[in-house]
Amino acid sequence: MGFGYLLIGYIVAFLFSISNIYFFADVIGGVVMLIAFTKLGWHQKNFLRALWADMVYLLLCFARAVLMLLRVIESDSAPATAASVAILLASLVLHVFLLAGIYHLAVKVEVEKEARRARRNLLLIFTYYPMVIILSLLSPLIPEKAAPWLSLAVFLYGAFVVLSNIYLIYCCYCRIVVRGEEQKETPPSRFAWLNRWNEKADSLLDGAYRTMSKKKTEEPKEQEAGYLRVKRKKKKGRK
């Protein structure tokens, strides 16, 4: 359906981005998320909006990385700060459409926990990103003694937000699937280049998907039109 690609892309783009290790993680993750949104966009229109937001995010990340590698801009310069703020704004818009898509899709297939988590995570990003943008713009005015503590607090809060979103996407991957996806009967895109892209991506990542799909799952008692809810945990009786 696309949540597997989204999980991989999101982890690479955002979990590695908050670390000190940088190897074009945001660019690589953004490309993988594009694959996910081309698949998920058939089922919820907010994922198509996230697709365009991801393209902007991807281009900004790539441009900043190239300019910094060529030393056209320095890491502490005003242009670098402006680029960082632009990327943060693009990431905020991307998260809004991503979580809105998950929320509406979860409501449609009646998975209440995922819907509640998506709504809660929306509140988290609406507090996290404005806070990071304000701190980025006001960083020259922050006292030297307070700067490390503020940076640590923002880092920990950002890590919590990212991990919360990863868990939400993983829950969607485990519980929501399109009927017929196990036979790969997903509808083709009207764009030929997207179909070719999806076919190549599927050929690379389907081995892992097939391994996961071999695990035993409980058959759902009720089926929504076009969707199945899978992998419900069985409650063990108390002795």
Protein backbone atom coordinates (compact mmCIF):
# COMPACT_ATOMS: atom_id res chain seq x y z
CA MET A 1 0.00 0.00 0.00
CA GLY A 2 2.91 2.34 0.64
CA PHE A 3 3.31 2.54 4.41
CA GLY A 4 6.38 0.29 4.26
CA TYR A 5 8.14 2.71 1.91
CA LEU A 6 6.96 5.62 4.02
CA LEU A 7 8.37 4.04 7.17
CA ILE A 8 11.79 3.50 5.58
CA GLY A 9 11.90 6.94 4.00
CA TYR A 10 10.77 8.74 7.14
CA ILE A 11 13.35 6.97 9.31
CA VAL A 12 16.17 7.85 6.92
CA ALA A 13 15.05 11.45 6.34
CA PHE A 14 14.20 12.53 9.87
CA LEU A 15 15.74 10.12 12.38
CA PHE A 16 19.22 10.46 10.86
CA SER A 17 18.74 14.20 10.33
CA ILE A 18 18.62 14.86 14.08
CA SER A 19 21.93 13.04 14.57
CA ASN A 20 25.44 14.32 13.92
CA ILE A 21 25.85 11.86 11.04
CA TYR A 22 25.01 13.38 7.65
CA PHE A 23 25.25 11.50 4.36
CA PHE A 24 22.44 13.09 2.33
CA ALA A 25 20.00 11.27 4.62
CA ASP A 26 17.25 13.85 4.10
CA VAL A 27 17.65 13.62 0.32
CA ILE A 28 17.64 9.81 0.27
CA GLY A 29 14.71 9.63 2.66
CA GLY A 30 12.79 12.21 0.65
CA VAL A 31 13.16 10.12 -2.52
CA VAL A 32 11.87 6.98 -0.78
CA MET A 33 8.93 8.95 0.65
CA LEU A 34 8.06 10.08 -2.88
CA ILE A 35 7.55 6.42 -3.79
CA ALA A 36 5.29 5.99 -0.75
CA PHE A 37 3.15 9.03 -1.56
CA THR A 38 2.62 7.92 -5.17
CA LYS A 39 1.06 4.74 -3.76
CA LEU A 40 -0.82 6.24 -0.81
CA GLY A 41 -2.18 9.12 -2.90
CA TRP A 42 -4.70 6.78 -4.51
CA HIS A 43 -6.41 6.26 -1.17
CA GLN A 44 -6.31 9.71 0.45
CA LYS A 45 -5.87 13.08 -1.29
CA ASN A 46 -3.74 14.55 1.51
CA PHE A 47 -0.97 12.11 0.55
CA LEU A 48 -0.91 13.68 -2.92
CA ARG A 49 -0.46 17.06 -1.27
CA ALA A 50 2.31 15.55 0.83
CA LEU A 51 3.91 14.36 -2.43
CA TRP A 52 4.28 17.95 -3.67
CA ALA A 53 5.46 19.14 -0.27
CA ASP A 54 8.04 16.35 -0.27
CA MET A 55 9.30 17.47 -3.68
CA VAL A 56 9.88 20.99 -2.34
CA TYR A 57 11.53 19.60 0.80
CA LEU A 58 13.74 17.34 -1.31
CA LEU A 59 14.86 20.13 -3.64
CA LEU A 60 15.66 22.46 -0.74
CA CYS A 61 17.67 19.79 1.09
CA PHE A 62 19.58 18.89 -2.05
CA ALA A 63 20.33 22.52 -2.90
CA ARG A 64 21.58 23.27 0.62
CA ALA A 65 23.76 20.14 0.69
CA VAL A 66 25.35 20.97 -2.66
CA LEU A 67 25.99 24.60 -1.73
CA MET A 68 27.57 23.61 1.58
CA LEU A 69 29.74 20.94 -0.05
CA LEU A 70 30.96 23.48 -2.60
CA ARG A 71 31.46 25.94 0.27
CA VAL A 72 29.30 28.53 -1.41
CA ILE A 73 27.65 29.06 1.97
CA GLU A 74 29.06 28.46 5.44
CA SER A 75 27.21 26.56 8.14
CA ASP A 76 26.94 29.61 10.45
CA SER A 77 26.16 32.21 7.79
CA ALA A 78 22.88 34.04 7.20
CA PRO A 79 22.18 32.20 3.89
CA ALA A 80 22.62 28.85 5.68
CA THR A 81 20.16 29.96 8.38
CA ALA A 82 17.67 31.07 5.73
CA ALA A 83 18.01 27.71 3.96
CA SER A 84 17.46 25.86 7.25
CA VAL A 85 14.33 27.88 7.99
CA ALA A 86 12.99 27.20 4.48
CA ILE A 87 13.59 23.47 4.94
CA LEU A 88 11.86 23.54 8.34
CA LEU A 89 8.82 25.24 6.81
CA ALA A 90 8.69 22.67 4.00
CA SER A 91 9.02 19.88 6.55
CA LEU A 92 6.17 21.37 8.60
CA VAL A 93 3.87 21.42 5.56
CA LEU A 94 4.95 17.88 4.67
CA HIS A 95 4.11 16.64 8.17
CA VAL A 96 0.73 18.38 8.16
CA PHE A 97 -0.39 16.63 4.97
CA LEU A 98 1.21 13.34 6.00
CA LEU A 99 -0.56 13.21 9.38
CA ALA A 100 -3.81 14.54 7.91
CA GLY A 101 -3.73 11.71 5.36
CA ILE A 102 -3.13 9.13 8.07
CA TYR A 103 -5.91 10.59 10.24
CA HIS A 104 -8.57 10.58 7.50
CA LEU A 105 -7.55 7.13 6.27
CA ALA A 106 -7.62 5.72 9.82
CA VAL A 107 -11.09 7.22 10.40
CA LYS A 108 -12.30 5.69 7.14
CA VAL A 109 -11.22 2.17 8.08
CA GLU A 110 -12.17 2.63 11.75
CA VAL A 111 -8.81 2.19 13.42
CA GLU A 112 -9.40 4.61 16.27
CA LYS A 113 -6.01 4.38 17.97
CA GLU A 114 -4.14 5.43 14.83
CA ALA A 115 -6.59 8.31 14.27
CA ARG A 116 -6.04 9.57 17.82
CA ARG A 117 -2.25 9.25 17.47
CA ALA A 118 -2.29 11.19 14.19
CA ARG A 119 -4.30 14.00 15.76
CA ARG A 120 -1.98 14.10 18.78
CA ASN A 121 1.13 14.15 16.56
CA LEU A 122 -0.31 17.09 14.63
CA LEU A 123 -0.34 19.04 17.87
CA LEU A 124 3.24 18.00 18.53
CA ILE A 125 4.57 19.27 15.21
CA PHE A 126 2.63 22.53 15.55
CA THR A 127 4.59 23.17 18.74
CA TYR A 128 7.95 21.73 17.64
CA TYR A 129 8.55 23.41 14.27
CA PRO A 130 7.61 26.98 15.28
CA MET A 131 9.85 26.59 18.33
CA VAL A 132 12.82 25.44 16.19
CA ILE A 133 12.29 28.22 13.65
CA ILE A 134 12.14 30.90 16.35
CA LEU A 135 15.28 29.56 18.01
CA SER A 136 17.10 29.44 14.66
CA LEU A 137 16.29 33.08 13.95
CA LEU A 138 17.06 34.28 17.48
CA SER A 139 20.16 32.15 18.06
CA PRO A 140 22.59 35.16 17.92
CA LEU A 141 20.63 36.76 20.78
CA ILE A 142 20.63 33.73 23.08
CA PRO A 143 23.19 33.92 25.94
CA GLU A 144 26.08 31.49 25.62
CA LYS A 145 25.30 29.76 28.91
CA ALA A 146 21.67 29.11 27.98
CA ALA A 147 22.34 28.01 24.37
CA PRO A 148 23.53 24.43 25.14
CA TRP A 149 20.56 23.75 27.42
CA LEU A 150 18.06 25.09 24.89
CA SER A 151 19.69 23.03 22.14
CA LEU A 152 19.48 19.90 24.28
CA ALA A 153 15.82 20.52 25.13
CA VAL A 154 14.93 21.08 21.47
CA PHE A 155 16.89 17.98 20.44
CA LEU A 156 15.10 15.75 22.97
CA TYR A 157 11.69 17.12 22.04
CA GLY A 158 12.44 16.69 18.34
CA ALA A 159 13.56 13.11 18.92
CA PHE A 160 10.30 12.41 20.76
CA VAL A 161 8.25 13.88 17.88
CA VAL A 162 10.13 11.87 15.25
CA LEU A 163 9.87 8.60 17.22
CA SER A 164 6.14 9.20 17.77
CA ASN A 165 5.62 9.60 14.02
CA ILE A 166 7.71 6.51 13.27
CA TYR A 167 5.59 4.45 15.66
CA LEU A 168 2.40 5.80 14.08
CA ILE A 169 3.54 4.92 10.56
CA TYR A 170 4.60 1.46 11.76
CA CYS A 171 1.14 0.90 13.29
CA CYS A 172 -0.47 1.88 9.98
CA TYR A 173 1.87 -0.48 8.13
CA CYS A 174 0.80 -3.32 10.43
CA ARG A 175 -2.94 -2.69 10.44
CA ILE A 176 -4.04 -1.10 7.15
CA VAL A 177 -3.71 -2.79 3.78
CA VAL A 178 -5.61 -2.59 0.51
CA ARG A 179 -7.54 -5.65 -0.53
CA GLY A 180 -5.57 -7.40 -3.26
CA GLU A 181 -2.24 -5.88 -2.24
CA GLU A 182 -0.96 -9.30 -1.22
CA GLN A 183 -1.24 -10.19 -4.94
CA LYS A 184 0.17 -6.78 -5.92
CA GLU A 185 -3.04 -5.73 -7.66
CA THR A 186 -2.54 -2.05 -6.86
CA PRO A 187 -3.97 0.39 -9.41
CA PRO A 188 -1.43 1.92 -11.79
CA SER A 189 -0.79 5.64 -11.86
CA ARG A 190 -1.88 7.72 -14.84
CA PHE A 191 1.74 8.89 -15.06
CA ALA A 192 3.92 6.38 -16.89
CA TRP A 193 7.13 7.53 -15.17
CA LEU A 194 5.54 6.92 -11.76
CA ASN A 195 4.57 3.39 -12.81
CA ARG A 196 8.15 2.66 -13.92
CA TRP A 197 9.47 4.15 -10.69
CA ASN A 198 7.12 2.03 -8.57
CA GLU A 199 8.00 -1.14 -10.48
CA LYS A 200 11.73 -0.61 -9.93
CA ALA A 201 11.22 0.22 -6.27
CA ASP A 202 9.01 -2.83 -5.77
CA SER A 203 11.60 -5.12 -7.34
CA LEU A 204 14.20 -3.85 -4.85
CA LEU A 205 12.10 -3.92 -1.69
CA ASP A 206 9.54 -6.68 -2.26
CA GLY A 207 11.87 -9.35 -0.89
CA ALA A 208 11.57 -7.85 2.58
CA TYR A 209 7.81 -7.39 2.13
CA ARG A 210 7.27 -11.03 1.19
CA THR A 211 9.27 -12.17 4.21
CA MET A 212 7.07 -10.10 6.49
CA SER A 213 3.87 -11.25 4.78
CA LYS A 214 4.64 -14.90 5.60
CA LYS A 215 3.90 -14.27 9.26
CA LYS A 216 0.56 -15.56 10.50
CA THR A 217 -2.19 -12.96 10.74
CA GLU A 218 -5.69 -13.17 12.12
CA GLU A 219 -8.45 -12.95 9.51
CA PRO A 220 -10.61 -9.83 10.06
CA LYS A 221 -14.24 -10.49 10.93
CA GLU A 222 -15.51 -7.43 9.09
CA GLN A 223 -14.22 -5.88 5.88
CA GLU A 224 -14.49 -2.27 4.81
CA ALA A 225 -14.93 -1.58 1.12
CA GLY A 226 -11.48 -1.71 -0.38
CA TYR A 227 -9.61 -2.18 2.90
CA LEU A 228 -8.64 -4.91 5.32
CA ARG A 229 -7.50 -4.52 8.89
CA VAL A 230 -4.74 -6.99 9.64
CA LYS A 231 -2.39 -8.20 12.35
CA ARG A 232 -4.70 -7.67 15.32
CA LYS A 233 -3.14 -8.93 18.52
CA LYS A 234 -4.92 -11.79 20.28
CA LYS A 235 -5.76 -11.16 23.90
CA LYS A 236 -4.44 -13.83 26.21
CA GLY A 237 -6.80 -15.05 28.92
CA ARG A 238 -5.76 -14.53 32.50
CA LYS A 239 -5.15 -17.62 34.59
